[in-house]
Amino acid sequence: MSSATLDELGKLVLRLTIGILLLLHGIAKLTHGVGPIESMMVARGLPAFFAWAVYVGEILAPLLLIFGVYTRLGGLLIVISMVVAILLAHSGHWSQLSGSGGWRLELQGLFLFGALAVTLLGAGNYSVAGKGGRWN
């Protein structure tokens, strides 16, 4: 395989990994509701309806990545969603290690920096929209 083909396959694997894994979190929130997130918002003095934005970051944005449509926008939405999640739900965990020796925020870090990579790289050829367009 050529180097260009491997680059395109790498973009596909990254998009699908971040998109599918984050979508599973969004499906769980669809199934169980956003009540706990609404409570967290209210406890921090924010309107409860802000919790509904989690569906943009964990349902819509991952679908954009998976299909490769408006991929850079989807990646950017995930980056924003993960920064908000880290600041609101995980603010005390920055320097903590987990019981297994890993960083306590490694999952959030994977989503954040994986989505940042997708935002910078774009969709690649193996996508519904292809390489064309500013947001792909």
N, C-alpha and C. Protein backbone atom coordinates (compact mmCIF):
# COMPACT_ATOMS: atom_id res chain seq x y z
N MET A 1 0.84 -1.19 0.00
CA MET A 1 0.00 0.00 0.00
C MET A 1 0.88 1.25 0.00
N SER A 2 0.39 2.26 -0.66
CA SER A 2 1.14 3.51 -0.72
C SER A 2 1.01 4.28 0.60
N SER A 3 1.91 5.20 0.79
CA SER A 3 1.89 6.04 1.99
C SER A 3 0.60 6.86 2.06
N ALA A 4 0.13 7.34 0.93
CA ALA A 4 -1.12 8.13 0.90
C ALA A 4 -2.32 7.27 1.30
N THR A 5 -2.35 6.03 0.85
CA THR A 5 -3.44 5.13 1.21
C THR A 5 -3.42 4.84 2.71
N LEU A 6 -2.23 4.62 3.27
CA LEU A 6 -2.12 4.37 4.70
C LEU A 6 -2.56 5.59 5.50
N ASP A 7 -2.22 6.80 5.03
CA ASP A 7 -2.67 8.03 5.69
C ASP A 7 -4.19 8.11 5.70
N GLU A 8 -4.81 7.79 4.58
CA GLU A 8 -6.27 7.84 4.48
C GLU A 8 -6.93 6.79 5.38
N LEU A 9 -6.35 5.61 5.44
CA LEU A 9 -6.88 4.57 6.33
C LEU A 9 -6.71 4.97 7.79
N GLY A 10 -5.60 5.63 8.11
CA GLY A 10 -5.38 6.12 9.48
C GLY A 10 -6.44 7.13 9.89
N LYS A 11 -6.79 8.03 8.98
CA LYS A 11 -7.85 9.01 9.26
C LYS A 11 -9.18 8.31 9.50
N LEU A 12 -9.46 7.29 8.70
CA LEU A 12 -10.71 6.54 8.86
C LEU A 12 -10.75 5.85 10.22
N VAL A 13 -9.67 5.18 10.58
CA VAL A 13 -9.62 4.48 11.86
C VAL A 13 -9.80 5.47 13.02
N LEU A 14 -9.13 6.61 12.95
CA LEU A 14 -9.25 7.62 14.01
C LEU A 14 -10.68 8.14 14.10
N ARG A 15 -11.27 8.49 12.97
CA ARG A 15 -12.66 9.00 12.95
C ARG A 15 -13.62 7.99 13.53
N LEU A 16 -13.51 6.75 13.10
CA LEU A 16 -14.44 5.71 13.55
C LEU A 16 -14.25 5.40 15.04
N THR A 17 -13.01 5.36 15.48
CA THR A 17 -12.74 5.06 16.89
C THR A 17 -13.34 6.12 17.79
N ILE A 18 -13.01 7.39 17.54
CA ILE A 18 -13.53 8.48 18.37
C ILE A 18 -15.04 8.56 18.23
N GLY A 19 -15.55 8.48 17.01
CA GLY A 19 -16.99 8.60 16.79
C GLY A 19 -17.79 7.50 17.44
N ILE A 20 -17.40 6.25 17.25
CA ILE A 20 -18.18 5.13 17.80
C ILE A 20 -18.11 5.11 19.33
N LEU A 21 -16.90 5.27 19.88
CA LEU A 21 -16.78 5.20 21.34
C LEU A 21 -17.54 6.32 22.03
N LEU A 22 -17.51 7.53 21.46
CA LEU A 22 -18.24 8.63 22.07
C LEU A 22 -19.75 8.49 21.85
N LEU A 23 -20.14 7.96 20.69
CA LEU A 23 -21.56 7.74 20.42
C LEU A 23 -22.18 6.79 21.44
N LEU A 24 -21.43 5.81 21.89
CA LEU A 24 -21.95 4.90 22.91
C LEU A 24 -22.29 5.65 24.20
N HIS A 25 -21.50 6.66 24.55
CA HIS A 25 -21.82 7.49 25.71
C HIS A 25 -23.11 8.28 25.47
N GLY A 26 -23.26 8.79 24.25
CA GLY A 26 -24.47 9.52 23.91
C GLY A 26 -25.71 8.65 23.93
N ILE A 27 -25.58 7.41 23.45
CA ILE A 27 -26.72 6.48 23.48
C ILE A 27 -27.12 6.19 24.92
N ALA A 28 -26.14 6.05 25.79
CA ALA A 28 -26.45 5.82 27.21
C ALA A 28 -27.22 7.01 27.79
N LYS A 29 -26.86 8.21 27.38
CA LYS A 29 -27.58 9.40 27.87
C LYS A 29 -28.98 9.47 27.28
N LEU A 30 -29.16 9.00 26.05
CA LEU A 30 -30.50 8.93 25.48
C LEU A 30 -31.35 7.93 26.25
N THR A 31 -30.75 6.83 26.63
CA THR A 31 -31.46 5.76 27.33
C THR A 31 -31.82 6.15 28.76
N HIS A 32 -30.87 6.78 29.45
CA HIS A 32 -31.06 7.08 30.88
C HIS A 32 -31.40 8.54 31.17
N GLY A 33 -31.39 9.38 30.15
CA GLY A 33 -31.73 10.78 30.33
C GLY A 33 -30.56 11.64 30.79
N VAL A 34 -30.78 12.93 30.78
CA VAL A 34 -29.73 13.88 31.14
C VAL A 34 -29.94 14.47 32.53
N GLY A 35 -30.80 13.84 33.33
CA GLY A 35 -31.09 14.33 34.67
C GLY A 35 -29.86 14.62 35.51
N PRO A 36 -28.90 13.69 35.60
CA PRO A 36 -27.71 13.97 36.40
C PRO A 36 -26.91 15.17 35.88
N ILE A 37 -26.89 15.34 34.57
CA ILE A 37 -26.16 16.47 33.99
C ILE A 37 -26.91 17.77 34.28
N GLU A 38 -28.25 17.72 34.19
CA GLU A 38 -29.05 18.90 34.56
C GLU A 38 -28.78 19.30 36.00
N SER A 39 -28.73 18.33 36.89
CA SER A 39 -28.45 18.62 38.31
C SER A 39 -27.09 19.26 38.48
N MET A 40 -26.09 18.77 37.75
CA MET A 40 -24.75 19.34 37.83
C MET A 40 -24.75 20.78 37.33
N MET A 41 -25.47 21.04 36.27
CA MET A 41 -25.55 22.41 35.73
C MET A 41 -26.18 23.35 36.76
N VAL A 42 -27.30 22.95 37.33
CA VAL A 42 -27.99 23.77 38.31
C VAL A 42 -27.10 24.01 39.53
N ALA A 43 -26.38 22.98 39.97
CA ALA A 43 -25.49 23.11 41.13
C ALA A 43 -24.37 24.12 40.88
N ARG A 44 -24.04 24.33 39.62
CA ARG A 44 -22.98 25.30 39.27
C ARG A 44 -23.55 26.64 38.83
N GLY A 45 -24.86 26.82 39.03
CA GLY A 45 -25.50 28.09 38.72
C GLY A 45 -25.82 28.29 37.26
N LEU A 46 -25.81 27.22 36.48
CA LEU A 46 -26.12 27.32 35.05
C LEU A 46 -27.54 26.82 34.80
N PRO A 47 -28.17 27.28 33.72
CA PRO A 47 -29.52 26.80 33.40
C PRO A 47 -29.51 25.30 33.10
N ALA A 48 -30.52 24.60 33.58
CA ALA A 48 -30.62 23.15 33.40
C ALA A 48 -30.65 22.75 31.93
N PHE A 49 -31.25 23.59 31.07
CA PHE A 49 -31.38 23.22 29.66
C PHE A 49 -30.04 23.13 28.95
N PHE A 50 -28.97 23.68 29.52
CA PHE A 50 -27.64 23.54 28.93
C PHE A 50 -27.23 22.07 28.85
N ALA A 51 -27.79 21.24 29.74
CA ALA A 51 -27.45 19.82 29.74
C ALA A 51 -27.82 19.16 28.42
N TRP A 52 -28.81 19.68 27.75
CA TRP A 52 -29.25 19.08 26.49
C TRP A 52 -28.20 19.23 25.39
N ALA A 53 -27.26 20.12 25.57
CA ALA A 53 -26.17 20.27 24.59
C ALA A 53 -25.29 19.03 24.54
N VAL A 54 -25.39 18.19 25.56
CA VAL A 54 -24.60 16.96 25.57
C VAL A 54 -24.96 16.10 24.36
N TYR A 55 -26.19 16.18 23.89
CA TYR A 55 -26.59 15.40 22.72
C TYR A 55 -25.90 15.89 21.45
N VAL A 56 -25.57 17.17 21.38
CA VAL A 56 -24.81 17.68 20.24
C VAL A 56 -23.41 17.09 20.25
N GLY A 57 -22.77 17.09 21.42
CA GLY A 57 -21.40 16.62 21.53
C GLY A 57 -21.25 15.11 21.54
N GLU A 58 -22.31 14.39 21.93
CA GLU A 58 -22.17 12.94 22.07
C GLU A 58 -23.06 12.12 21.13
N ILE A 59 -23.91 12.79 20.36
CA ILE A 59 -24.72 12.08 19.35
C ILE A 59 -24.44 12.67 17.96
N LEU A 60 -24.75 13.95 17.79
CA LEU A 60 -24.60 14.58 16.47
C LEU A 60 -23.14 14.59 16.01
N ALA A 61 -22.25 15.11 16.83
CA ALA A 61 -20.84 15.24 16.43
C ALA A 61 -20.21 13.88 16.12
N PRO A 62 -20.41 12.85 16.95
CA PRO A 62 -19.85 11.55 16.59
C PRO A 62 -20.40 10.99 15.26
N LEU A 63 -21.69 11.23 14.99
CA LEU A 63 -22.24 10.79 13.71
C LEU A 63 -21.58 11.50 12.54
N LEU A 64 -21.27 12.79 12.71
CA LEU A 64 -20.56 13.52 11.67
C LEU A 64 -19.19 12.88 11.41
N LEU A 65 -18.50 12.48 12.47
CA LEU A 65 -17.21 11.83 12.31
C LEU A 65 -17.35 10.47 11.64
N ILE A 66 -18.28 9.68 12.11
CA ILE A 66 -18.45 8.33 11.59
C ILE A 66 -18.74 8.35 10.09
N PHE A 67 -19.62 9.23 9.66
CA PHE A 67 -19.98 9.29 8.25
C PHE A 67 -19.02 10.13 7.42
N GLY A 68 -18.24 10.96 8.07
CA GLY A 68 -17.31 11.80 7.32
C GLY A 68 -18.00 12.94 6.59
N VAL A 69 -18.95 13.56 7.27
CA VAL A 69 -19.67 14.71 6.73
C VAL A 69 -19.49 15.84 7.74
N TYR A 70 -19.03 17.00 7.27
CA TYR A 70 -18.71 18.11 8.18
C TYR A 70 -17.82 17.60 9.33
N THR A 71 -16.83 16.84 8.95
CA THR A 71 -15.99 16.14 9.92
C THR A 71 -15.23 17.09 10.83
N ARG A 72 -14.65 18.14 10.28
CA ARG A 72 -13.90 19.09 11.11
C ARG A 72 -14.84 19.79 12.11
N LEU A 73 -16.04 20.11 11.68
CA LEU A 73 -17.03 20.70 12.58
C LEU A 73 -17.38 19.70 13.69
N GLY A 74 -17.61 18.44 13.33
CA GLY A 74 -17.90 17.41 14.32
C GLY A 74 -16.77 17.28 15.33
N GLY A 75 -15.53 17.28 14.84
CA GLY A 75 -14.38 17.20 15.74
C GLY A 75 -14.32 18.39 16.66
N LEU A 76 -14.57 19.57 16.13
CA LEU A 76 -14.55 20.79 16.94
C LEU A 76 -15.65 20.77 18.00
N LEU A 77 -16.83 20.29 17.65
CA LEU A 77 -17.92 20.18 18.63
C LEU A 77 -17.55 19.22 19.76
N ILE A 78 -16.86 18.14 19.42
CA ILE A 78 -16.43 17.19 20.45
C ILE A 78 -15.37 17.82 21.34
N VAL A 79 -14.43 18.55 20.74
CA VAL A 79 -13.41 19.24 21.54
C VAL A 79 -14.08 20.18 22.55
N ILE A 80 -15.02 20.98 22.09
CA ILE A 80 -15.72 21.92 22.98
C ILE A 80 -16.48 21.15 24.07
N SER A 81 -17.17 20.10 23.67
CA SER A 81 -17.94 19.29 24.62
C SER A 81 -17.02 18.69 25.69
N MET A 82 -15.87 18.19 25.28
CA MET A 82 -14.96 17.57 26.24
C MET A 82 -14.32 18.60 27.16
N VAL A 83 -14.01 19.77 26.67
CA VAL A 83 -13.47 20.83 27.54
C VAL A 83 -14.51 21.20 28.59
N VAL A 84 -15.76 21.35 28.17
CA VAL A 84 -16.83 21.67 29.12
C VAL A 84 -17.00 20.54 30.13
N ALA A 85 -17.00 19.29 29.66
CA ALA A 85 -17.15 18.15 30.56
C ALA A 85 -16.01 18.09 31.57
N ILE A 86 -14.80 18.32 31.13
CA ILE A 86 -13.65 18.29 32.04
C ILE A 86 -13.77 19.41 33.06
N LEU A 87 -14.15 20.59 32.62
CA LEU A 87 -14.26 21.72 33.55
C LEU A 87 -15.40 21.55 34.54
N LEU A 88 -16.53 20.99 34.10
CA LEU A 88 -17.69 20.86 34.98
C LEU A 88 -17.68 19.59 35.82
N ALA A 89 -17.33 18.48 35.23
CA ALA A 89 -17.48 17.21 35.93
C ALA A 89 -16.16 16.63 36.46
N HIS A 90 -15.04 17.09 35.94
CA HIS A 90 -13.77 16.47 36.29
C HIS A 90 -12.71 17.49 36.71
N SER A 91 -13.13 18.64 37.14
CA SER A 91 -12.17 19.72 37.41
C SER A 91 -11.16 19.38 38.51
N GLY A 92 -11.49 18.51 39.44
CA GLY A 92 -10.56 18.17 40.51
C GLY A 92 -9.63 17.01 40.19
N HIS A 93 -9.70 16.49 38.96
CA HIS A 93 -8.96 15.27 38.62
C HIS A 93 -7.75 15.50 37.73
N TRP A 94 -7.36 16.74 37.48
CA TRP A 94 -6.29 17.06 36.53
C TRP A 94 -5.02 16.26 36.78
N SER A 95 -4.58 16.23 38.01
CA SER A 95 -3.27 15.64 38.29
C SER A 95 -3.37 14.28 38.97
N GLN A 96 -4.55 13.70 39.03
CA GLN A 96 -4.73 12.43 39.74
C GLN A 96 -4.46 11.24 38.82
N LEU A 97 -3.90 10.21 39.42
CA LEU A 97 -3.72 8.95 38.73
C LEU A 97 -4.83 8.00 39.15
N SER A 98 -5.19 7.10 38.25
CA SER A 98 -6.21 6.11 38.59
C SER A 98 -5.57 5.00 39.41
N GLY A 99 -6.38 4.09 39.90
CA GLY A 99 -5.88 2.96 40.68
C GLY A 99 -4.93 2.08 39.89
N SER A 100 -5.06 2.07 38.57
CA SER A 100 -4.20 1.24 37.72
C SER A 100 -2.93 1.96 37.29
N GLY A 101 -2.75 3.18 37.77
CA GLY A 101 -1.54 3.94 37.44
C GLY A 101 -1.68 4.88 36.27
N GLY A 102 -2.80 4.84 35.57
CA GLY A 102 -3.02 5.74 34.45
C GLY A 102 -3.57 7.07 34.92
N TRP A 103 -3.63 8.03 34.01
CA TRP A 103 -4.19 9.33 34.30
C TRP A 103 -5.69 9.16 34.50
N ARG A 104 -6.24 9.77 35.52
CA ARG A 104 -7.66 9.60 35.83
C ARG A 104 -8.56 10.13 34.70
N LEU A 105 -8.06 11.07 33.93
CA LEU A 105 -8.84 11.64 32.83
C LEU A 105 -8.43 11.07 31.47
N GLU A 106 -7.90 9.85 31.46
CA GLU A 106 -7.38 9.33 30.19
C GLU A 106 -8.48 9.16 29.13
N LEU A 107 -9.67 8.75 29.52
CA LEU A 107 -10.75 8.61 28.54
C LEU A 107 -11.14 9.98 27.98
N GLN A 108 -11.31 10.95 28.86
CA GLN A 108 -11.65 12.30 28.42
C GLN A 108 -10.52 12.87 27.56
N GLY A 109 -9.28 12.58 27.95
CA GLY A 109 -8.14 13.04 27.16
C GLY A 109 -8.11 12.40 25.79
N LEU A 110 -8.44 11.11 25.71
CA LEU A 110 -8.50 10.44 24.41
C LEU A 110 -9.54 11.09 23.52
N PHE A 111 -10.73 11.33 24.05
CA PHE A 111 -11.77 11.97 23.25
C PHE A 111 -11.37 13.38 22.84
N LEU A 112 -10.84 14.15 23.78
CA LEU A 112 -10.45 15.54 23.50
C LEU A 112 -9.37 15.61 22.43
N PHE A 113 -8.26 14.92 22.64
CA PHE A 113 -7.14 15.04 21.71
C PHE A 113 -7.34 14.25 20.43
N GLY A 114 -8.11 13.16 20.49
CA GLY A 114 -8.48 12.45 19.27
C GLY A 114 -9.36 13.32 18.38
N ALA A 115 -10.33 14.00 19.00
CA ALA A 115 -11.20 14.90 18.24
C ALA A 115 -10.42 16.10 17.70
N LEU A 116 -9.45 16.58 18.46
CA LEU A 116 -8.61 17.67 17.97
C LEU A 116 -7.81 17.21 16.75
N ALA A 117 -7.30 15.98 16.78
CA ALA A 117 -6.58 15.45 15.63
C ALA A 117 -7.50 15.35 14.41
N VAL A 118 -8.72 14.88 14.61
CA VAL A 118 -9.69 14.79 13.51
C VAL A 118 -9.99 16.19 12.96
N THR A 119 -10.13 17.16 13.86
CA THR A 119 -10.39 18.54 13.42
C THR A 119 -9.26 19.05 12.54
N LEU A 120 -8.04 18.73 12.90
CA LEU A 120 -6.88 19.20 12.14
C LEU A 120 -6.68 18.40 10.84
N LEU A 121 -6.95 17.10 10.86
CA LEU A 121 -6.69 16.24 9.70
C LEU A 121 -7.82 16.22 8.68
N GLY A 122 -9.05 16.38 9.13
CA GLY A 122 -10.19 16.27 8.23
C GLY A 122 -10.59 14.82 8.02
N ALA A 123 -11.55 14.60 7.15
CA ALA A 123 -12.16 13.28 6.97
C ALA A 123 -11.30 12.32 6.18
N GLY A 124 -10.64 12.82 5.17
CA GLY A 124 -9.91 11.94 4.26
C GLY A 124 -10.82 11.41 3.16
N ASN A 125 -10.24 10.56 2.33
CA ASN A 125 -10.97 10.03 1.17
C ASN A 125 -12.07 9.05 1.54
N TYR A 126 -11.87 8.28 2.59
CA TYR A 126 -12.83 7.24 2.96
C TYR A 126 -13.92 7.83 3.85
N SER A 127 -14.76 8.64 3.24
CA SER A 127 -15.85 9.31 3.95
C SER A 127 -16.97 9.58 2.96
N VAL A 128 -18.14 9.83 3.48
CA VAL A 128 -19.28 10.12 2.60
C VAL A 128 -19.02 11.36 1.77
N ALA A 129 -18.50 12.40 2.40
CA ALA A 129 -18.28 13.67 1.70
C ALA A 129 -16.92 13.76 1.02
N GLY A 130 -16.02 12.84 1.30
CA GLY A 130 -14.69 12.89 0.70
C GLY A 130 -13.88 14.02 1.28
N LYS A 131 -12.79 14.35 0.60
CA LYS A 131 -11.89 15.39 1.10
C LYS A 131 -12.42 16.81 0.87
N GLY A 132 -13.36 16.96 -0.03
CA GLY A 132 -13.79 18.28 -0.44
C GLY A 132 -14.49 19.07 0.63
N GLY A 133 -14.40 20.35 0.53
CA GLY A 133 -15.11 21.23 1.43
C GLY A 133 -14.28 21.68 2.61
N ARG A 134 -14.56 22.88 3.03
CA ARG A 134 -13.80 23.50 4.11
C ARG A 134 -13.94 22.73 5.43
N TRP A 135 -15.11 22.17 5.69
CA TRP A 135 -15.37 21.50 6.97
C TRP A 135 -15.15 20.00 6.91
N ASN A 136 -14.54 19.52 5.83
CA ASN A 136 -14.29 18.09 5.73
C ASN A 136 -12.81 17.83 5.57
